[in-house]
Amino acid sequence: MGRRTILMYHRVADAPFDPYSLCVTPGNFAEQLEAIKKSADVVALEGLDGRTSRPQVALTFDDGYADVLQTALPLVEAAGVPFTVFVVSGMLDHTIGFWWDRLALMLRGRDEVEVDLEIDDRPLRISLRGGRAGATALVALHSRLRVLPLATIEATLTAIASQLDVSISEAELARTMTSDELRILSENPLATIGAHTVDHMLVAGHSLSEQVDTMSQSKRNLEALIAAPVRHFAYPYGDGDAFDSLSVKAAQQCGFSTASTALAGRVTRLNHRLRLPRRMVLNWSFEEMAARLSAWRAV
């Protein structure tokens, strides 16, 4: 049986500021597609079955950034390869951007960070100076905030902005798709739309009903927009702390064919279809991508 690997992307963009390493430049993305196609068949998630002797690779994009349509789509069309986009349904038509992008803009380049917060009834004081103060604070705040409800995160961002005496800028260069853009993307035969919850909630630790709610609502909303079934799901954040056994049960109850994680590895016959591993791709050249594929034993 052929080797099977799912690759995880987020954005294809020449971003001047990329603190989370989510961006691959258009030039490198084109080279990566060339490197993948040289050694593997690029297939849709539905076609990832391992029944051929040739390795198979599936491309996925998380979150629903607008540059997937604007920049990635022309490149995958030129390469003639399918891909799946996991969309946070509640972020469609919102111009403000994801909370983590706005937090990064507030802290960008800061050599002093002084904040005294109470987050979810727990105090957090950050007092940092030096050239990496903003970057260090970003790591600490992101890990603390991601487990919280969106309303609490937004309230905390407001408090941080007030204490740092900055505005909460819209993440214009990291905006999400509009509903119209999603429809355009969905009409492309190479594109498959998947769900990624309503608000990118970290689902682990929530009740089964809460997890089913955000998964099923995201599924329904997307299906209504694109007038097609949504069969695939990806757990927000996707690491080992981001989902649990109830998450897998919720994805099953929602009727998803697959659910993807951010856990590293190849897809084998031992993998549960609702706990599929993926490999995150960074901004690598053709040579770097070829070396990674080989090291991962993807080809």
C-alpha atoms as a PDB file:
ATOM      1  CA  MET A   1       0.000   0.000   0.000  1.00  0.00           C
ATOM      2  CA  GLY A   2       1.164   3.517  -0.826  1.00  0.00           C
ATOM      3  CA  ARG A   3       2.160   5.990   1.840  1.00  0.00           C
ATOM      4  CA  ARG A   4      -0.465   8.597   2.729  1.00  0.00           C
ATOM      5  CA  THR A   5       0.209  12.050   4.145  1.00  0.00           C
ATOM      6  CA  ILE A   6      -2.005  15.060   4.863  1.00  0.00           C
ATOM      7  CA  LEU A   7      -0.291  18.436   4.728  1.00  0.00           C
ATOM      8  CA  MET A   8      -1.526  21.376   6.796  1.00  0.00           C
ATOM      9  CA  TYR A   9      -1.300  24.933   5.512  1.00  0.00           C
ATOM     10  CA  HIS A  10      -2.919  28.145   6.731  1.00  0.00           C
ATOM     11  CA  ARG A  11      -1.988  30.999   4.405  1.00  0.00           C
ATOM     12  CA  VAL A  12      -0.210  31.686   1.121  1.00  0.00           C
ATOM     13  CA  ALA A  13       1.011  35.253   1.400  1.00  0.00           C
ATOM     14  CA  ASP A  14       4.044  37.541   1.288  1.00  0.00           C
ATOM     15  CA  ALA A  15       3.427  38.667   4.857  1.00  0.00           C
ATOM     16  CA  PRO A  16       5.681  41.336   6.377  1.00  0.00           C
ATOM     17  CA  PHE A  17       4.844  40.000   9.849  1.00  0.00           C
ATOM     18  CA  ASP A  18       4.261  36.301  10.546  1.00  0.00           C
ATOM     19  CA  PRO A  19       4.843  35.543  14.238  1.00  0.00           C
ATOM     20  CA  TYR A  20       3.035  32.204  14.135  1.00  0.00           C
ATOM     21  CA  SER A  21       4.789  30.943  10.966  1.00  0.00           C
ATOM     22  CA  LEU A  22       1.448  30.486   9.206  1.00  0.00           C
ATOM     23  CA  CYS A  23       2.476  31.965   5.849  1.00  0.00           C
ATOM     24  CA  VAL A  24       4.095  30.365   2.830  1.00  0.00           C
ATOM     25  CA  THR A  25       5.125  32.813   0.119  1.00  0.00           C
ATOM     26  CA  PRO A  26       3.511  32.321  -3.302  1.00  0.00           C
ATOM     27  CA  GLY A  27       6.874  31.476  -4.850  1.00  0.00           C
ATOM     28  CA  ASN A  28       7.688  28.844  -2.262  1.00  0.00           C
ATOM     29  CA  PHE A  29       4.167  27.431  -2.417  1.00  0.00           C
ATOM     30  CA  ALA A  30       4.480  26.918  -6.173  1.00  0.00           C
ATOM     31  CA  GLU A  31       7.820  25.188  -5.620  1.00  0.00           C
ATOM     32  CA  GLN A  32       6.346  23.021  -2.874  1.00  0.00           C
ATOM     33  CA  LEU A  33       3.561  21.850  -5.164  1.00  0.00           C
ATOM     34  CA  GLU A  34       6.194  20.962  -7.756  1.00  0.00           C
ATOM     35  CA  ALA A  35       8.196  19.003  -5.166  1.00  0.00           C
ATOM     36  CA  ILE A  36       5.105  17.124  -3.968  1.00  0.00           C
ATOM     37  CA  LYS A  37       3.905  16.255  -7.474  1.00  0.00           C
ATOM     38  CA  LYS A  38       7.347  14.977  -8.412  1.00  0.00           C
ATOM     39  CA  SER A  39       7.130  12.122  -5.915  1.00  0.00           C
ATOM     40  CA  ALA A  40       3.450  11.651  -5.024  1.00  0.00           C
ATOM     41  CA  ASP A  41      -0.113  11.818  -6.285  1.00  0.00           C
ATOM     42  CA  VAL A  42      -1.972  14.805  -4.846  1.00  0.00           C
ATOM     43  CA  VAL A  43      -5.495  13.648  -3.997  1.00  0.00           C
ATOM     44  CA  ALA A  44      -8.578  14.989  -2.253  1.00  0.00           C
ATOM     45  CA  LEU A  45      -9.253  13.777   1.284  1.00  0.00           C
ATOM     46  CA  GLU A  46     -11.905  11.428  -0.097  1.00  0.00           C
ATOM     47  CA  GLY A  47      -9.310   9.873  -2.380  1.00  0.00           C
ATOM     48  CA  LEU A  48      -6.731   9.236   0.313  1.00  0.00           C
ATOM     49  CA  ASP A  49      -7.123   5.459   0.378  1.00  0.00           C
ATOM     50  CA  GLY A  50      -3.625   4.056  -0.032  1.00  0.00           C
ATOM     51  CA  ARG A  51      -4.719   1.488  -2.608  1.00  0.00           C
ATOM     52  CA  THR A  52      -2.060   2.536  -5.084  1.00  0.00           C
ATOM     53  CA  SER A  53       1.646   1.818  -4.865  1.00  0.00           C
ATOM     54  CA  ARG A  54       2.487   5.490  -5.454  1.00  0.00           C
ATOM     55  CA  PRO A  55       2.502   7.760  -2.370  1.00  0.00           C
ATOM     56  CA  GLN A  56      -0.534  10.004  -1.863  1.00  0.00           C
ATOM     57  CA  VAL A  57      -0.610  13.514  -0.419  1.00  0.00           C
ATOM     58  CA  ALA A  58      -3.665  15.595   0.491  1.00  0.00           C
ATOM     59  CA  LEU A  59      -3.473  19.378   0.887  1.00  0.00           C
ATOM     60  CA  THR A  60      -5.477  21.152   3.586  1.00  0.00           C
ATOM     61  CA  PHE A  61      -5.778  24.790   4.690  1.00  0.00           C
ATOM     62  CA  ASP A  62      -7.075  25.773   8.115  1.00  0.00           C
ATOM     63  CA  ASP A  63      -9.193  28.753   9.193  1.00  0.00           C
ATOM     64  CA  GLY A  64     -10.444  30.289   5.931  1.00  0.00           C
ATOM     65  CA  TYR A  65      -8.053  33.164   5.280  1.00  0.00           C
ATOM     66  CA  ALA A  66      -8.921  35.212   2.199  1.00  0.00           C
ATOM     67  CA  ASP A  67      -5.513  34.661   0.584  1.00  0.00           C
ATOM     68  CA  VAL A  68      -6.406  31.003   0.090  1.00  0.00           C
ATOM     69  CA  LEU A  69      -8.823  32.201  -2.582  1.00  0.00           C
ATOM     70  CA  GLN A  70      -6.803  35.160  -3.800  1.00  0.00           C
ATOM     71  CA  THR A  71      -3.323  33.643  -3.906  1.00  0.00           C
ATOM     72  CA  ALA A  72      -3.348  29.889  -3.278  1.00  0.00           C
ATOM     73  CA  LEU A  73      -6.178  29.031  -5.665  1.00  0.00           C
ATOM     74  CA  PRO A  74      -4.483  30.248  -8.870  1.00  0.00           C
ATOM     75  CA  LEU A  75      -1.376  28.258  -7.936  1.00  0.00           C
ATOM     76  CA  VAL A  76      -3.228  25.018  -7.220  1.00  0.00           C
ATOM     77  CA  GLU A  77      -5.196  25.523 -10.425  1.00  0.00           C
ATOM     78  CA  ALA A  78      -1.936  25.845 -12.350  1.00  0.00           C
ATOM     79  CA  ALA A  79      -0.688  22.673 -10.695  1.00  0.00           C
ATOM     80  CA  GLY A  80      -4.044  20.928 -11.173  1.00  0.00           C
ATOM     81  CA  VAL A  81      -4.241  19.587  -7.621  1.00  0.00           C
ATOM     82  CA  PRO A  82      -7.213  19.316  -5.229  1.00  0.00           C
ATOM     83  CA  PHE A  83      -7.289  20.788  -1.732  1.00  0.00           C
ATOM     84  CA  THR A  84      -9.547  21.159   1.305  1.00  0.00           C
ATOM     85  CA  VAL A  85     -10.200  24.366   3.266  1.00  0.00           C
ATOM     86  CA  PHE A  86     -11.449  24.086   6.847  1.00  0.00           C
ATOM     87  CA  VAL A  87     -13.489  27.239   7.459  1.00  0.00           C
ATOM     88  CA  VAL A  88     -14.401  28.925  10.755  1.00  0.00           C
ATOM     89  CA  SER A  89     -17.971  29.707   9.783  1.00  0.00           C
ATOM     90  CA  GLY A  90     -18.530  32.530  12.265  1.00  0.00           C
ATOM     91  CA  MET A  91     -15.600  34.518  10.862  1.00  0.00           C
ATOM     92  CA  LEU A  92     -17.062  34.846   7.388  1.00  0.00           C
ATOM     93  CA  ASP A  93     -17.856  38.486   6.556  1.00  0.00           C
ATOM     94  CA  HIS A  94     -15.876  39.740   9.565  1.00  0.00           C
ATOM     95  CA  THR A  95     -13.175  42.229   8.622  1.00  0.00           C
ATOM     96  CA  ILE A  96     -11.480  42.358  12.036  1.00  0.00           C
ATOM     97  CA  GLY A  97      -9.512  39.134  11.677  1.00  0.00           C
ATOM     98  CA  PHE A  98      -8.802  36.386  14.182  1.00  0.00           C
ATOM     99  CA  TRP A  99      -8.037  37.370  17.756  1.00  0.00           C
ATOM    100  CA  TRP A 100      -4.497  35.967  17.620  1.00  0.00           C
ATOM    101  CA  ASP A 101      -3.632  38.138  14.631  1.00  0.00           C
ATOM    102  CA  ARG A 102      -4.950  41.263  16.344  1.00  0.00           C
ATOM    103  CA  LEU A 103      -3.058  40.389  19.549  1.00  0.00           C
ATOM    104  CA  ALA A 104       0.134  39.998  17.532  1.00  0.00           C
ATOM    105  CA  LEU A 105      -0.334  43.442  15.970  1.00  0.00           C
ATOM    106  CA  MET A 106      -0.736  45.022  19.411  1.00  0.00           C
ATOM    107  CA  LEU A 107       2.513  43.471  20.647  1.00  0.00           C
ATOM    108  CA  ARG A 108       4.521  43.765  17.436  1.00  0.00           C
ATOM    109  CA  GLY A 109       7.996  45.223  17.992  1.00  0.00           C
ATOM    110  CA  ARG A 110       7.350  46.231  21.583  1.00  0.00           C
ATOM    111  CA  ASP A 111      10.427  46.406  23.810  1.00  0.00           C
ATOM    112  CA  GLU A 112       8.331  46.897  26.935  1.00  0.00           C
ATOM    113  CA  VAL A 113       5.155  45.072  27.977  1.00  0.00           C
ATOM    114  CA  GLU A 114       3.456  45.852  31.280  1.00  0.00           C
ATOM    115  CA  VAL A 115       0.006  44.344  31.784  1.00  0.00           C
ATOM    116  CA  ASP A 116      -1.859  43.310  34.906  1.00  0.00           C
ATOM    117  CA  LEU A 117      -4.817  41.132  33.960  1.00  0.00           C
ATOM    118  CA  GLU A 118      -7.448  38.917  35.455  1.00  0.00           C
ATOM    119  CA  ILE A 119      -8.256  36.171  32.976  1.00  0.00           C
ATOM    120  CA  ASP A 120     -11.046  33.763  33.828  1.00  0.00           C
ATOM    121  CA  ASP A 121     -10.772  34.727  37.531  1.00  0.00           C
ATOM    122  CA  ARG A 122      -7.022  34.104  37.557  1.00  0.00           C
ATOM    123  CA  PRO A 123      -4.450  36.911  37.780  1.00  0.00           C
ATOM    124  CA  LEU A 124      -1.769  37.288  35.122  1.00  0.00           C
ATOM    125  CA  ARG A 125       0.929  39.925  35.348  1.00  0.00           C
ATOM    126  CA  ILE A 126       3.443  40.350  32.553  1.00  0.00           C
ATOM    127  CA  SER A 127       6.388  42.683  33.023  1.00  0.00           C
ATOM    128  CA  LEU A 128       8.947  42.426  30.234  1.00  0.00           C
ATOM    129  CA  ARG A 129      11.653  44.665  28.800  1.00  0.00           C
ATOM    130  CA  GLY A 130      14.080  44.182  25.978  1.00  0.00           C
ATOM    131  CA  GLY A 131      14.026  43.563  22.268  1.00  0.00           C
ATOM    132  CA  ARG A 132      11.900  40.420  22.497  1.00  0.00           C
ATOM    133  CA  ALA A 133       9.402  41.654  25.093  1.00  0.00           C
ATOM    134  CA  GLY A 134       6.501  41.716  22.645  1.00  0.00           C
ATOM    135  CA  ALA A 135       7.288  38.309  21.165  1.00  0.00           C
ATOM    136  CA  THR A 136       7.676  36.701  24.598  1.00  0.00           C
ATOM    137  CA  ALA A 137       4.417  38.242  25.821  1.00  0.00           C
ATOM    138  CA  LEU A 138       2.657  36.998  22.680  1.00  0.00           C
ATOM    139  CA  VAL A 139       3.628  33.379  23.389  1.00  0.00           C
ATOM    140  CA  ALA A 140       2.505  33.633  27.021  1.00  0.00           C
ATOM    141  CA  LEU A 141      -0.811  35.310  26.214  1.00  0.00           C
ATOM    142  CA  HIS A 142      -1.682  33.065  23.277  1.00  0.00           C
ATOM    143  CA  SER A 143      -1.294  29.880  25.330  1.00  0.00           C
ATOM    144  CA  ARG A 144      -3.364  31.379  28.156  1.00  0.00           C
ATOM    145  CA  LEU A 145      -6.115  32.766  25.954  1.00  0.00           C
ATOM    146  CA  ARG A 146      -6.725  29.959  23.486  1.00  0.00           C
ATOM    147  CA  VAL A 147      -8.542  27.785  26.040  1.00  0.00           C
ATOM    148  CA  LEU A 148     -11.089  30.510  26.818  1.00  0.00           C
ATOM    149  CA  PRO A 149     -14.475  31.413  25.305  1.00  0.00           C
ATOM    150  CA  LEU A 150     -14.294  34.001  22.544  1.00  0.00           C
ATOM    151  CA  ALA A 151     -16.116  36.631  24.626  1.00  0.00           C
ATOM    152  CA  THR A 152     -13.491  36.319  27.383  1.00  0.00           C
ATOM    153  CA  ILE A 153     -10.680  36.532  24.843  1.00  0.00           C
ATOM    154  CA  GLU A 154     -12.150  39.688  23.325  1.00  0.00           C
ATOM    155  CA  ALA A 155     -12.579  41.273  26.747  1.00  0.00           C
ATOM    156  CA  THR A 156      -8.949  40.469  27.559  1.00  0.00           C
ATOM    157  CA  LEU A 157      -7.753  42.008  24.289  1.00  0.00           C
ATOM    158  CA  THR A 158      -9.641  45.182  25.203  1.00  0.00           C
ATOM    159  CA  ALA A 159      -7.959  45.241  28.621  1.00  0.00           C
ATOM    160  CA  ILE A 160      -4.506  44.691  27.094  1.00  0.00           C
ATOM    161  CA  ALA A 161      -5.055  47.457  24.553  1.00  0.00           C
ATOM    162  CA  SER A 162      -6.133  49.844  27.312  1.00  0.00           C
ATOM    163  CA  GLN A 163      -3.140  49.072  29.520  1.00  0.00           C
ATOM    164  CA  LEU A 164      -0.677  49.349  26.639  1.00  0.00           C
ATOM    165  CA  ASP A 165      -2.446  52.473  25.351  1.00  0.00           C
ATOM    166  CA  VAL A 166      -2.831  51.077  21.840  1.00  0.00           C
ATOM    167  CA  SER A 167      -5.796  50.464  19.577  1.00  0.00           C
ATOM    168  CA  ILE A 168      -6.998  47.040  18.511  1.00  0.00           C
ATOM    169  CA  SER A 169      -6.305  47.242  14.804  1.00  0.00           C
ATOM    170  CA  GLU A 170      -8.117  45.152  12.250  1.00  0.00           C
ATOM    171  CA  ALA A 171      -5.868  42.450  10.833  1.00  0.00           C
ATOM    172  CA  GLU A 172      -6.357  43.736   7.294  1.00  0.00           C
ATOM    173  CA  LEU A 173      -3.496  41.717   5.822  1.00  0.00           C
ATOM    174  CA  ALA A 174      -4.789  38.558   7.480  1.00  0.00           C
ATOM    175  CA  ARG A 175      -8.496  38.901   6.840  1.00  0.00           C
ATOM    176  CA  THR A 176     -10.874  35.980   6.477  1.00  0.00           C
ATOM    177  CA  MET A 177     -13.081  35.223   3.493  1.00  0.00           C
ATOM    178  CA  THR A 178     -16.472  36.744   2.951  1.00  0.00           C
ATOM    179  CA  SER A 179     -19.499  34.548   2.262  1.00  0.00           C
ATOM    180  CA  ASP A 180     -19.341  35.500  -1.419  1.00  0.00           C
ATOM    181  CA  GLU A 181     -15.668  34.565  -1.593  1.00  0.00           C
ATOM    182  CA  LEU A 182     -16.396  31.218   0.023  1.00  0.00           C
ATOM    183  CA  ARG A 183     -19.096  30.531  -2.564  1.00  0.00           C
ATOM    184  CA  ILE A 184     -16.657  31.348  -5.356  1.00  0.00           C
ATOM    185  CA  LEU A 185     -14.070  29.029  -3.848  1.00  0.00           C
ATOM    186  CA  SER A 186     -16.588  26.231  -3.337  1.00  0.00           C
ATOM    187  CA  GLU A 187     -17.588  26.340  -7.001  1.00  0.00           C
ATOM    188  CA  ASN A 188     -14.078  25.422  -8.072  1.00  0.00           C
ATOM    189  CA  PRO A 189     -13.896  21.668  -8.780  1.00  0.00           C
ATOM    190  CA  LEU A 190     -10.507  21.416  -7.081  1.00  0.00           C
ATOM    191  CA  ALA A 191     -11.783  22.829  -3.771  1.00  0.00           C
ATOM    192  CA  THR A 192     -13.504  20.999  -0.929  1.00  0.00           C
ATOM    193  CA  ILE A 193     -14.961  22.984   1.972  1.00  0.00           C
ATOM    194  CA  GLY A 194     -14.652  21.561   5.473  1.00  0.00           C
ATOM    195  CA  ALA A 195     -15.813  22.786   8.880  1.00  0.00           C
ATOM    196  CA  HIS A 196     -13.624  24.211  11.650  1.00  0.00           C
ATOM    197  CA  THR A 197     -16.251  25.163  14.303  1.00  0.00           C
ATOM    198  CA  VAL A 198     -18.154  28.439  14.527  1.00  0.00           C
ATOM    199  CA  ASP A 199     -15.542  30.528  16.366  1.00  0.00           C
ATOM    200  CA  HIS A 200     -12.344  28.416  16.492  1.00  0.00           C
ATOM    201  CA  MET A 201     -13.212  27.210  19.969  1.00  0.00           C
ATOM    202  CA  LEU A 202     -10.715  24.868  21.596  1.00  0.00           C
ATOM    203  CA  VAL A 203     -13.152  22.006  22.074  1.00  0.00           C
ATOM    204  CA  ALA A 204     -11.293  19.843  24.617  1.00  0.00           C
ATOM    205  CA  GLY A 205     -12.809  19.994  28.088  1.00  0.00           C
ATOM    206  CA  HIS A 206     -16.238  21.086  26.885  1.00  0.00           C
ATOM    207  CA  SER A 207     -19.296  18.881  27.238  1.00  0.00           C
ATOM    208  CA  LEU A 208     -20.334  16.608  24.419  1.00  0.00           C
ATOM    209  CA  SER A 209     -23.375  18.785  23.699  1.00  0.00           C
ATOM    210  CA  GLU A 210     -21.260  21.966  23.507  1.00  0.00           C
ATOM    211  CA  GLN A 211     -18.844  20.311  21.118  1.00  0.00           C
ATOM    212  CA  VAL A 212     -21.637  18.922  18.957  1.00  0.00           C
ATOM    213  CA  ASP A 213     -23.207  22.401  18.927  1.00  0.00           C
ATOM    214  CA  THR A 214     -20.205  24.234  17.489  1.00  0.00           C
ATOM    215  CA  MET A 215     -19.358  21.457  15.033  1.00  0.00           C
ATOM    216  CA  SER A 216     -22.882  20.921  13.765  1.00  0.00           C
ATOM    217  CA  GLN A 217     -23.707  24.626  13.557  1.00  0.00           C
ATOM    218  CA  SER A 218     -20.544  25.247  11.555  1.00  0.00           C
ATOM    219  CA  LYS A 219     -21.463  22.351   9.269  1.00  0.00           C
ATOM    220  CA  ARG A 220     -25.021  23.604   8.756  1.00  0.00           C
ATOM    221  CA  ASN A 221     -23.967  27.201   8.154  1.00  0.00           C
ATOM    222  CA  LEU A 222     -21.394  26.229   5.565  1.00  0.00           C
ATOM    223  CA  GLU A 223     -23.752  23.807   3.816  1.00  0.00           C
ATOM    224  CA  ALA A 224     -26.377  26.534   3.555  1.00  0.00           C
ATOM    225  CA  LEU A 225     -23.843  28.909   2.017  1.00  0.00           C
ATOM    226  CA  ILE A 226     -22.292  26.581  -0.534  1.00  0.00           C
ATOM    227  CA  ALA A 227     -25.369  24.401  -1.191  1.00  0.00           C
ATOM    228  CA  ALA A 228     -23.306  21.228  -0.847  1.00  0.00           C
ATOM    229  CA  PRO A 229     -22.540  18.664   1.868  1.00  0.00           C
ATOM    230  CA  VAL A 230     -19.686  19.389   4.292  1.00  0.00           C
ATOM    231  CA  ARG A 231     -18.144  16.042   5.143  1.00  0.00           C
ATOM    232  CA  HIS A 232     -14.780  16.946   6.635  1.00  0.00           C
ATOM    233  CA  PHE A 233     -13.755  18.635   9.878  1.00  0.00           C
ATOM    234  CA  ALA A 234     -10.556  19.827  11.550  1.00  0.00           C
ATOM    235  CA  TYR A 235     -10.159  20.379  15.286  1.00  0.00           C
ATOM    236  CA  PRO A 236      -9.130  24.001  16.049  1.00  0.00           C
ATOM    237  CA  TYR A 237      -5.463  24.195  17.121  1.00  0.00           C
ATOM    238  CA  GLY A 238      -5.406  20.430  16.649  1.00  0.00           C
ATOM    239  CA  ASP A 239      -2.659  19.441  19.078  1.00  0.00           C
ATOM    240  CA  GLY A 240      -2.996  16.850  21.825  1.00  0.00           C
ATOM    241  CA  ASP A 241      -4.519  19.346  24.267  1.00  0.00           C
ATOM    242  CA  ALA A 242      -7.016  20.743  21.753  1.00  0.00           C
ATOM    243  CA  PHE A 243      -9.403  17.814  21.451  1.00  0.00           C
ATOM    244  CA  ASP A 244     -10.408  14.781  23.508  1.00  0.00           C
ATOM    245  CA  SER A 245     -12.417  11.571  23.268  1.00  0.00           C
ATOM    246  CA  LEU A 246     -15.663  13.557  23.431  1.00  0.00           C
ATOM    247  CA  SER A 247     -14.470  15.600  20.455  1.00  0.00           C
ATOM    248  CA  VAL A 248     -14.115  12.445  18.391  1.00  0.00           C
ATOM    249  CA  LYS A 249     -17.555  11.326  19.522  1.00  0.00           C
ATOM    250  CA  ALA A 250     -19.002  14.740  18.632  1.00  0.00           C
ATOM    251  CA  ALA A 251     -17.453  14.637  15.156  1.00  0.00           C
ATOM    252  CA  GLN A 252     -18.989  11.199  14.688  1.00  0.00           C
ATOM    253  CA  GLN A 253     -22.421  12.381  15.835  1.00  0.00           C
ATOM    254  CA  CYS A 254     -22.209  15.290  13.379  1.00  0.00           C
ATOM    255  CA  GLY A 255     -21.703  12.823  10.554  1.00  0.00           C
ATOM    256  CA  PHE A 256     -18.231  13.888   9.427  1.00  0.00           C
ATOM    257  CA  SER A 257     -16.380  11.429   7.200  1.00  0.00           C
ATOM    258  CA  THR A 258     -12.994  12.590   8.504  1.00  0.00           C
ATOM    259  CA  ALA A 259     -11.640  14.825  11.242  1.00  0.00           C
ATOM    260  CA  SER A 260      -8.077  16.110  11.016  1.00  0.00           C
ATOM    261  CA  THR A 261      -5.722  16.972  13.857  1.00  0.00           C
ATOM    262  CA  ALA A 262      -2.388  18.781  14.003  1.00  0.00           C
ATOM    263  CA  LEU A 263      -0.692  15.706  15.426  1.00  0.00           C
ATOM    264  CA  ALA A 264       2.314  14.833  13.283  1.00  0.00           C
ATOM    265  CA  GLY A 265       2.489  11.640  11.291  1.00  0.00           C
ATOM    266  CA  ARG A 266       1.449   9.717   8.211  1.00  0.00           C
ATOM    267  CA  VAL A 267      -1.986   8.217   7.717  1.00  0.00           C
ATOM    268  CA  THR A 268      -1.961   4.449   8.186  1.00  0.00           C
ATOM    269  CA  ARG A 269      -4.630   1.773   8.406  1.00  0.00           C
ATOM    270  CA  LEU A 270      -4.340   2.081  12.207  1.00  0.00           C
ATOM    271  CA  ASN A 271      -5.491   5.720  12.255  1.00  0.00           C
ATOM    272  CA  HIS A 272      -9.054   6.443  13.297  1.00  0.00           C
ATOM    273  CA  ARG A 273     -10.748   8.417  10.493  1.00  0.00           C
ATOM    274  CA  LEU A 274     -11.739  11.086  13.050  1.00  0.00           C
ATOM    275  CA  ARG A 275      -8.181  11.470  14.422  1.00  0.00           C
ATOM    276  CA  LEU A 276      -6.154  11.881  11.249  1.00  0.00           C
ATOM    277  CA  PRO A 277      -2.586  13.211  11.629  1.00  0.00           C
ATOM    278  CA  ARG A 278      -1.163  15.984   9.484  1.00  0.00           C
ATOM    279  CA  ARG A 279       2.206  17.567   8.787  1.00  0.00           C
ATOM    280  CA  MET A 280       2.426  21.348   9.093  1.00  0.00           C
ATOM    281  CA  VAL A 281       4.217  23.010   6.195  1.00  0.00           C
ATOM    282  CA  LEU A 282       6.376  26.078   6.725  1.00  0.00           C
ATOM    283  CA  ASN A 283       7.833  28.554   4.248  1.00  0.00           C
ATOM    284  CA  TRP A 284      10.217  26.110   2.569  1.00  0.00           C
ATOM    285  CA  SER A 285      11.837  26.117  -0.856  1.00  0.00           C
ATOM    286  CA  PHE A 286      11.638  23.231  -3.362  1.00  0.00           C
ATOM    287  CA  GLU A 287      14.758  21.612  -1.903  1.00  0.00           C
ATOM    288  CA  GLU A 288      13.609  22.035   1.699  1.00  0.00           C
ATOM    289  CA  MET A 289      10.164  20.651   0.886  1.00  0.00           C
ATOM    290  CA  ALA A 290      11.628  17.630  -0.900  1.00  0.00           C
ATOM    291  CA  ALA A 291      13.885  16.966   2.088  1.00  0.00           C
ATOM    292  CA  ARG A 292      10.955  17.223   4.514  1.00  0.00           C
ATOM    293  CA  LEU A 293       8.816  14.835   2.476  1.00  0.00           C
ATOM    294  CA  SER A 294      11.662  12.345   2.512  1.00  0.00           C
ATOM    295  CA  ALA A 295      12.309  12.779   6.248  1.00  0.00           C
ATOM    296  CA  TRP A 296       8.602  12.294   6.971  1.00  0.00           C
ATOM    297  CA  ARG A 297       8.654   9.159   4.792  1.00  0.00           C
ATOM    298  CA  ALA A 298       5.778  10.686   2.867  1.00  0.00           C
ATOM    299  CA  VAL A 299       7.325   9.735  -0.481  1.00  0.00           C
END
